[in-house]
Protein backbone atom coordinates (compact mmCIF):
# COMPACT_ATOMS: atom_id res chain seq x y z
CA MET A 1 78.60 27.53 155.62
CA ILE A 2 74.92 28.20 156.29
CA THR A 3 72.94 25.76 158.40
CA THR A 4 69.31 25.71 159.42
CA SER A 5 69.62 23.93 162.76
CA VAL A 6 71.80 23.90 165.83
CA THR A 7 71.70 21.80 168.97
CA ILE A 8 72.43 23.05 172.45
CA ASP A 9 75.10 20.36 172.84
CA GLU A 10 76.91 21.67 169.77
CA LEU A 11 76.97 25.12 171.33
CA ARG A 12 78.07 23.68 174.68
CA ALA A 13 81.03 21.96 173.02
CA LEU A 14 81.96 25.13 171.12
CA ILE A 15 81.96 27.29 174.27
CA ALA A 16 83.86 24.67 176.24
CA GLY A 17 86.48 24.62 173.50
CA VAL A 18 86.99 28.37 173.76
CA LEU A 19 87.22 28.20 177.54
CA GLU A 20 89.32 25.01 177.42
CA THR A 21 87.08 23.34 179.95
CA GLU A 22 84.81 20.29 180.00
CA PRO A 23 81.43 20.63 178.22
CA GLU A 24 79.51 19.58 181.33
CA GLU A 25 80.84 22.68 183.11
CA VAL A 26 78.91 24.85 180.64
CA THR A 27 75.40 24.32 181.99
CA ASP A 28 72.33 25.62 180.22
CA ASP A 29 71.57 28.42 182.68
CA ALA A 30 75.05 29.39 183.88
CA HIS A 31 75.48 33.14 183.38
CA PHE A 32 78.31 33.80 180.92
CA ALA A 33 79.88 36.73 182.79
CA HIS A 34 79.11 35.92 186.43
CA GLU A 35 79.44 32.13 186.58
CA LEU A 36 81.61 31.22 183.59
CA ASP A 37 83.78 34.36 183.93
CA ILE A 38 83.59 35.22 180.23
CA ASP A 39 84.72 38.78 179.54
CA SER A 40 84.10 40.85 176.39
CA LEU A 41 87.03 39.44 174.43
CA LEU A 42 86.19 35.81 175.19
CA MET A 43 82.52 36.48 174.44
CA LEU A 44 83.55 38.03 171.15
CA GLU A 45 85.56 34.91 170.32
CA ILE A 46 82.57 32.71 171.14
CA SER A 47 80.25 34.90 169.08
CA THR A 48 82.57 34.87 166.09
CA ARG A 49 82.95 31.08 166.20
CA VAL A 50 79.19 30.63 166.44
CA GLU A 51 78.58 32.99 163.53
CA SER A 52 81.19 31.19 161.43
CA ALA A 53 80.04 27.68 162.35
CA PHE A 54 76.34 28.24 161.73
CA GLY A 55 76.31 30.90 159.01
CA VAL A 56 74.87 33.58 161.26
CA ALA A 57 75.19 37.18 160.11
CA GLY A 58 78.24 38.96 161.52
CA ASN A 59 77.77 40.68 164.89
CA THR A 60 74.22 39.42 165.40
CA VAL A 61 75.21 37.04 168.19
CA ALA A 62 77.48 39.60 169.84
CA ALA A 63 74.79 42.27 169.73
CA SER A 64 71.97 39.97 170.90
CA GLY A 65 72.70 40.41 174.60
CA VAL A 66 72.27 36.72 175.41
CA THR A 67 73.68 35.82 178.82
CA THR A 68 73.31 32.02 179.07
CA LEU A 69 73.70 28.98 176.84
CA ALA A 70 69.93 28.46 176.80
CA GLU A 71 69.38 32.05 175.64
CA LEU A 72 72.04 31.65 172.95
CA HIS A 73 70.41 28.48 171.66
CA ALA A 74 66.97 30.10 171.58
CA PHE A 75 68.36 33.11 169.74
CA LEU A 76 70.11 31.01 167.11
CA THR A 77 67.20 28.72 166.38
CA SER A 78 65.04 31.74 165.51
CA ASN A 79 67.66 33.85 163.72
CA LEU A 80 69.72 31.60 161.45
CA THR A 81 70.53 33.51 158.27
CA GLY A 82 73.29 34.05 155.74
CA ALA A 83 76.44 35.96 156.54
CA THR A 84 76.79 39.66 155.67
CA ALA A 85 79.80 41.84 155.03
CA PRO A 86 81.59 42.84 158.25
CA SER A 87 81.25 46.40 159.49
CA PRO A 88 82.90 48.33 162.33
CA LEU A 89 79.48 49.69 163.27
CA ILE A 90 77.12 47.56 165.38
CA ARG A 91 73.61 48.82 166.11
CA PRO A 92 72.04 46.43 168.64
CA ARG A 93 68.69 48.24 168.44
CA PRO A 94 68.29 49.98 165.06
CA VAL A 95 65.91 52.94 165.03
CA SER A 96 64.62 54.28 161.71
CA ALA A 97 64.51 57.94 162.74
CA PRO A 98 66.27 58.23 166.09
CA ALA A 99 65.99 61.35 168.22
CA ALA A 100 69.69 60.97 169.00
CA ARG A 101 72.61 58.65 168.39
CA LEU A 102 75.25 57.61 170.91
CA PHE A 103 78.56 56.28 169.59
CA LEU A 104 80.41 54.03 172.05
CA LEU A 105 84.12 53.23 171.74
CA HIS A 106 85.83 50.36 173.55
CA HIS A 107 89.08 50.08 175.49
CA ALA A 108 92.46 48.68 174.44
CA GLY A 109 92.32 44.92 174.00
CA GLY A 110 88.53 45.05 174.14
CA SER A 111 85.61 44.99 171.78
CA HIS A 112 82.15 46.46 171.36
CA LEU A 113 80.92 43.84 173.84
CA LEU A 114 82.11 46.14 176.60
CA TYR A 115 78.72 47.78 176.06
CA ARG A 116 76.66 44.61 175.83
CA GLY A 117 73.16 45.24 177.16
CA TRP A 118 73.49 49.02 177.19
CA ALA A 119 70.83 49.65 174.52
CA GLU A 120 68.04 48.86 176.96
CA LEU A 121 69.36 51.47 179.40
CA PHE A 122 68.69 54.42 177.06
CA PRO A 123 65.52 56.06 175.69
CA GLY A 124 63.68 53.91 173.17
CA ASP A 125 63.97 56.50 170.42
CA TRP A 126 67.76 56.73 170.72
CA GLU A 127 70.09 54.59 168.63
CA LEU A 128 73.30 53.18 170.10
CA CYS A 129 76.17 52.68 167.67
CA LEU A 130 79.00 50.49 168.94
CA LEU A 131 82.30 50.90 167.11
CA GLU A 132 84.57 47.87 166.69
CA ALA A 133 88.28 48.16 165.87
CA PRO A 134 89.62 45.77 163.20
CA GLY A 135 91.24 42.48 164.13
CA ARG A 136 88.48 41.16 166.39
CA GLY A 137 85.02 39.69 166.06
CA SER A 138 83.67 39.74 162.51
CA LEU A 139 86.58 42.04 161.60
CA GLN A 140 89.30 39.61 162.68
CA GLY A 141 90.18 39.02 159.04
CA LEU A 142 91.26 42.67 158.79
CA PRO A 143 94.71 43.77 159.94
CA LEU A 144 95.01 45.34 163.37
CA ILE A 145 95.44 49.13 163.41
CA ASP A 146 98.15 50.34 165.77
CA ASP A 147 98.09 54.02 164.77
CA CYS A 148 95.61 56.45 166.32
CA GLU A 149 94.98 58.58 163.24
CA GLN A 150 94.48 55.53 161.03
CA LEU A 151 91.81 54.21 163.40
CA VAL A 152 90.19 57.65 163.50
CA ASP A 153 90.12 57.61 159.68
CA TYR A 154 88.51 54.18 159.71
CA PHE A 155 85.80 55.11 162.19
CA HIS A 156 85.21 58.52 160.62
CA ALA A 157 84.32 56.89 157.31
CA ALA A 158 81.90 54.53 159.08
CA ILE A 159 80.01 57.16 161.08
CA ALA A 160 79.93 59.98 158.51
CA PRO A 161 76.47 59.03 157.11
CA LEU A 162 74.98 58.92 160.63
CA LEU A 163 75.74 62.45 161.83
CA ASP A 164 72.45 63.83 160.55
CA ARG A 165 70.88 64.23 164.00
CA PRO A 166 72.05 65.04 167.53
CA PHE A 167 74.76 62.62 168.61
CA GLY A 168 77.25 62.03 171.37
CA PHE A 169 80.55 60.18 171.82
CA PHE A 170 81.49 58.10 174.85
CA GLY A 171 84.83 56.32 174.96
CA HIS A 172 86.41 54.22 177.69
CA SER A 173 90.21 54.25 178.15
CA MET A 174 91.65 53.94 174.61
CA GLY A 175 88.14 54.68 173.37
CA ALA A 176 88.27 58.06 175.10
CA LEU A 177 91.36 58.99 173.09
CA ILE A 178 89.68 57.90 169.84
CA ALA A 179 86.49 59.81 170.70
CA TYR A 180 88.54 62.93 171.47
CA GLN A 181 90.44 62.67 168.19
CA LEU A 182 87.27 61.92 166.22
CA THR A 183 85.79 65.14 167.58
CA HIS A 184 88.90 67.05 166.50
CA ARG A 185 88.61 65.46 163.05
CA LEU A 186 85.01 66.62 162.73
CA LEU A 187 86.00 70.10 163.86
CA ARG A 188 88.84 70.27 161.36
CA GLU A 189 86.61 69.05 158.52
CA ARG A 190 83.85 71.52 159.51
CA GLU A 191 81.39 68.67 159.98
CA ALA A 192 78.65 68.31 162.58
CA LEU A 193 80.05 68.14 166.12
CA PRO A 194 78.82 65.92 168.95
CA ALA A 195 76.30 67.46 171.31
CA TRP A 196 78.43 65.96 174.09
CA LEU A 197 81.69 64.09 174.59
CA GLY A 198 82.29 61.64 177.44
CA VAL A 199 85.83 60.51 178.26
CA SER A 200 86.18 57.62 180.68
CA ALA A 201 89.24 56.33 182.57
CA TYR A 202 91.69 58.24 180.40
CA GLY A 203 93.86 61.20 181.37
CA ALA A 204 93.79 64.39 179.35
CA PRO A 205 96.39 64.43 176.56
CA GLY A 206 99.41 66.59 177.13
CA GLY A 207 100.11 65.63 180.72
CA ALA A 208 103.28 64.09 182.05
CA ALA A 209 104.04 60.69 180.54
CA SER A 210 103.20 57.76 182.78
CA GLY A 211 106.50 56.06 181.99
CA SER A 212 104.63 52.85 181.18
CA SER A 213 104.63 51.42 177.64
CA PRO A 214 102.58 48.22 177.82
CA HIS A 215 103.11 47.33 174.16
CA LEU A 216 106.86 46.96 174.83
CA MET A 217 106.47 44.79 177.93
CA ALA A 218 107.50 41.15 177.97
CA ASP A 219 104.56 38.73 178.04
CA ASP A 220 104.76 37.97 181.76
CA GLU A 221 105.05 41.66 182.64
CA LEU A 222 102.15 42.62 180.38
CA ARG A 223 99.93 39.90 181.79
CA ALA A 224 100.73 41.02 185.34
CA TRP A 225 100.02 44.63 184.37
CA LEU A 226 96.65 43.65 182.92
CA ARG A 227 95.78 41.73 186.08
CA SER A 228 96.46 44.84 188.16
CA GLY A 229 94.00 46.85 186.09
CA GLY A 230 91.19 44.29 186.26
CA GLY A 231 88.75 43.58 183.45
CA SER A 232 90.57 40.53 182.02
CA PRO A 233 89.54 37.06 183.26
CA PRO A 234 91.95 34.35 184.42
CA GLN A 235 91.12 32.23 181.35
CA LEU A 236 92.70 34.87 179.13
CA LEU A 237 95.73 35.77 181.24
CA ASP A 238 96.59 32.37 182.71
CA ASN A 239 96.07 30.14 179.69
CA ASP A 240 99.04 30.31 177.31
CA ASP A 241 97.08 29.20 174.24
CA VAL A 242 94.31 31.75 174.80
CA TRP A 243 96.84 34.47 175.58
CA ARG A 244 98.75 33.84 172.35
CA LYS A 245 95.56 34.43 170.40
CA PHE A 246 94.71 37.75 172.06
CA ALA A 247 98.17 39.15 172.81
CA PRO A 248 98.53 40.76 169.35
CA VAL A 249 95.26 42.64 169.91
CA PHE A 250 96.45 44.02 173.23
CA ARG A 251 99.86 44.96 171.85
CA ALA A 252 98.46 46.73 168.77
CA ASP A 253 95.98 48.73 170.86
CA PHE A 254 98.57 49.65 173.48
CA LYS A 255 101.00 50.68 170.75
CA LEU A 256 98.29 52.98 169.38
CA VAL A 257 97.96 54.65 172.78
CA ASP A 258 101.66 54.64 173.68
CA THR A 259 102.86 56.14 170.40
CA TRP A 260 100.21 58.82 169.91
CA ALA A 261 101.76 62.26 170.27
CA ALA A 262 99.52 64.89 171.83
CA PRO A 263 99.61 68.32 170.16
CA ARG A 264 101.55 70.94 172.09
CA SER A 265 98.76 73.52 172.28
CA PRO A 266 95.51 71.77 171.32
CA GLU A 267 92.52 73.92 170.48
CA PRO A 268 89.84 73.52 173.18
CA LEU A 269 86.90 71.62 171.76
CA PRO A 270 83.72 73.73 171.45
CA VAL A 271 81.58 70.91 172.87
CA PRO A 272 80.37 69.94 176.35
CA LEU A 273 82.78 67.41 177.86
CA THR A 274 82.44 65.22 180.95
CA ALA A 275 85.17 63.04 182.43
CA PHE A 276 84.39 59.77 184.23
CA ALA A 277 86.49 57.42 186.36
CA GLY A 278 86.38 54.77 189.05
CA ARG A 279 87.36 55.92 192.53
CA GLY A 280 89.69 52.96 192.85
CA ASP A 281 91.39 53.33 189.46
CA THR A 282 95.13 53.14 190.11
CA LEU A 283 96.09 53.72 186.46
CA ILE A 284 94.91 57.34 186.14
CA GLY A 285 95.59 60.13 188.62
CA GLU A 286 92.89 62.66 189.45
CA ASP A 287 95.05 65.54 188.24
CA ARG A 288 95.10 64.12 184.71
CA LEU A 289 91.36 63.56 184.76
CA LEU A 290 90.71 67.13 185.86
CA ALA A 291 93.11 68.39 183.18
CA TRP A 292 90.34 67.77 180.63
CA GLN A 293 88.97 71.13 181.79
CA ALA A 294 91.58 72.91 179.64
CA LEU A 295 90.64 70.96 176.52
CA ALA A 296 86.97 71.92 176.20
CA THR A 297 85.14 75.23 176.32
CA ASP A 298 82.33 73.63 178.33
CA PHE A 299 83.81 71.23 180.88
CA ARG A 300 80.98 69.54 182.80
CA GLY A 301 83.20 68.14 185.53
CA LEU A 302 84.61 64.82 186.71
CA GLU A 303 82.19 62.11 187.83
CA ARG A 304 83.56 59.33 190.03
CA TYR A 305 81.98 55.92 190.60
CA ASP A 306 82.75 52.99 192.86
CA GLY A 307 85.16 50.57 191.25
CA GLY A 308 88.50 50.48 189.47
CA HIS A 309 89.56 51.03 185.88
CA PHE A 310 86.57 49.02 184.67
CA TYR A 311 84.05 50.63 187.00
CA LEU A 312 81.50 50.84 184.17
CA LEU A 313 81.02 47.05 184.28
CA GLU A 314 79.64 47.48 187.81
CA GLN A 315 77.74 50.75 187.32
CA PRO A 316 76.06 50.62 183.87
CA GLN A 317 72.69 51.97 185.01
CA GLN A 318 74.14 54.96 186.84
CA LEU A 319 76.49 55.77 183.99
CA ALA A 320 73.76 55.46 181.37
CA ALA A 321 71.59 57.85 183.38
CA ALA A 322 74.41 60.40 183.48
CA ILE A 323 75.02 60.11 179.73
CA THR A 324 71.32 60.41 178.97
CA ALA A 325 71.04 63.55 181.09
CA ALA A 326 74.03 65.08 179.29
CA ILE A 327 72.73 64.47 175.75
CA ARG A 328 68.97 64.83 176.30
CA PRO A 329 68.91 68.67 176.00
CA ALA A 330 70.13 68.33 172.41
CA ALA A 331 67.57 65.67 171.42
CA PRO A 332 64.24 66.92 170.03
């Protein structure tokens, strides 16, 4: 359905329904993340419902960067349009002839909204390309992919036309694994390679197994495990109805990570590689982060930031500056 008008009360009711709270608790200026405790998955659900309810083009709400109900209403009233075919590639700030492109890959159970607001942190002539795995957002009609190589195939097809200028990959947690495997795919196919690869909060493949297989955990155990890692709000983990909706996404993504078999003697990637992590991350040991040194011919070191597994939510400016400095030498 395509509509030409939307009221702020309609949006308030929609958001309250997602959060399972009273509409009056969703005030016009309450910040989505800080005051309403909406994380990337819940924001993606809100965005998808808004796009479906009002005929807004897929991913436009998610990529808009709105942070309050009032901003969302203002955005919708000026951008109502017909729906478009879903794509795994979201470009929040399209650039006709970018000096460089940065591809960002999200974590397990997450979405491209992990990088909401990042476009403004990078040079104006760079284009950010956020990759979205199927089964969420505007792609929720597509089946979830729980196999690493299948997801690499899917993303490879999407990004292939955009590798015509200097580009970099940055992946967080599961996204780091996908970015690493995408780079190997490009190397194997003799295609253009990234000018730089950033792997965040993910240990180098080939290390000792952690012994943890989240996709096999019982619901209560998995929810407790997710709480320990941070990054998931109480509304998602404590509400049974919300959890039932998102649990398949978590399980598919964790199965992808848990069942991927690292090659015995991987060829070191001929690209600059930097590892990133939070100092308080209890999920990844420093030895596994430093082990990335053996998997690239140009290891640029391990950069640590304050915070836990989702440190990048607290340090976006510092992280963006580090990424920019790493890729800038390759940009004209």
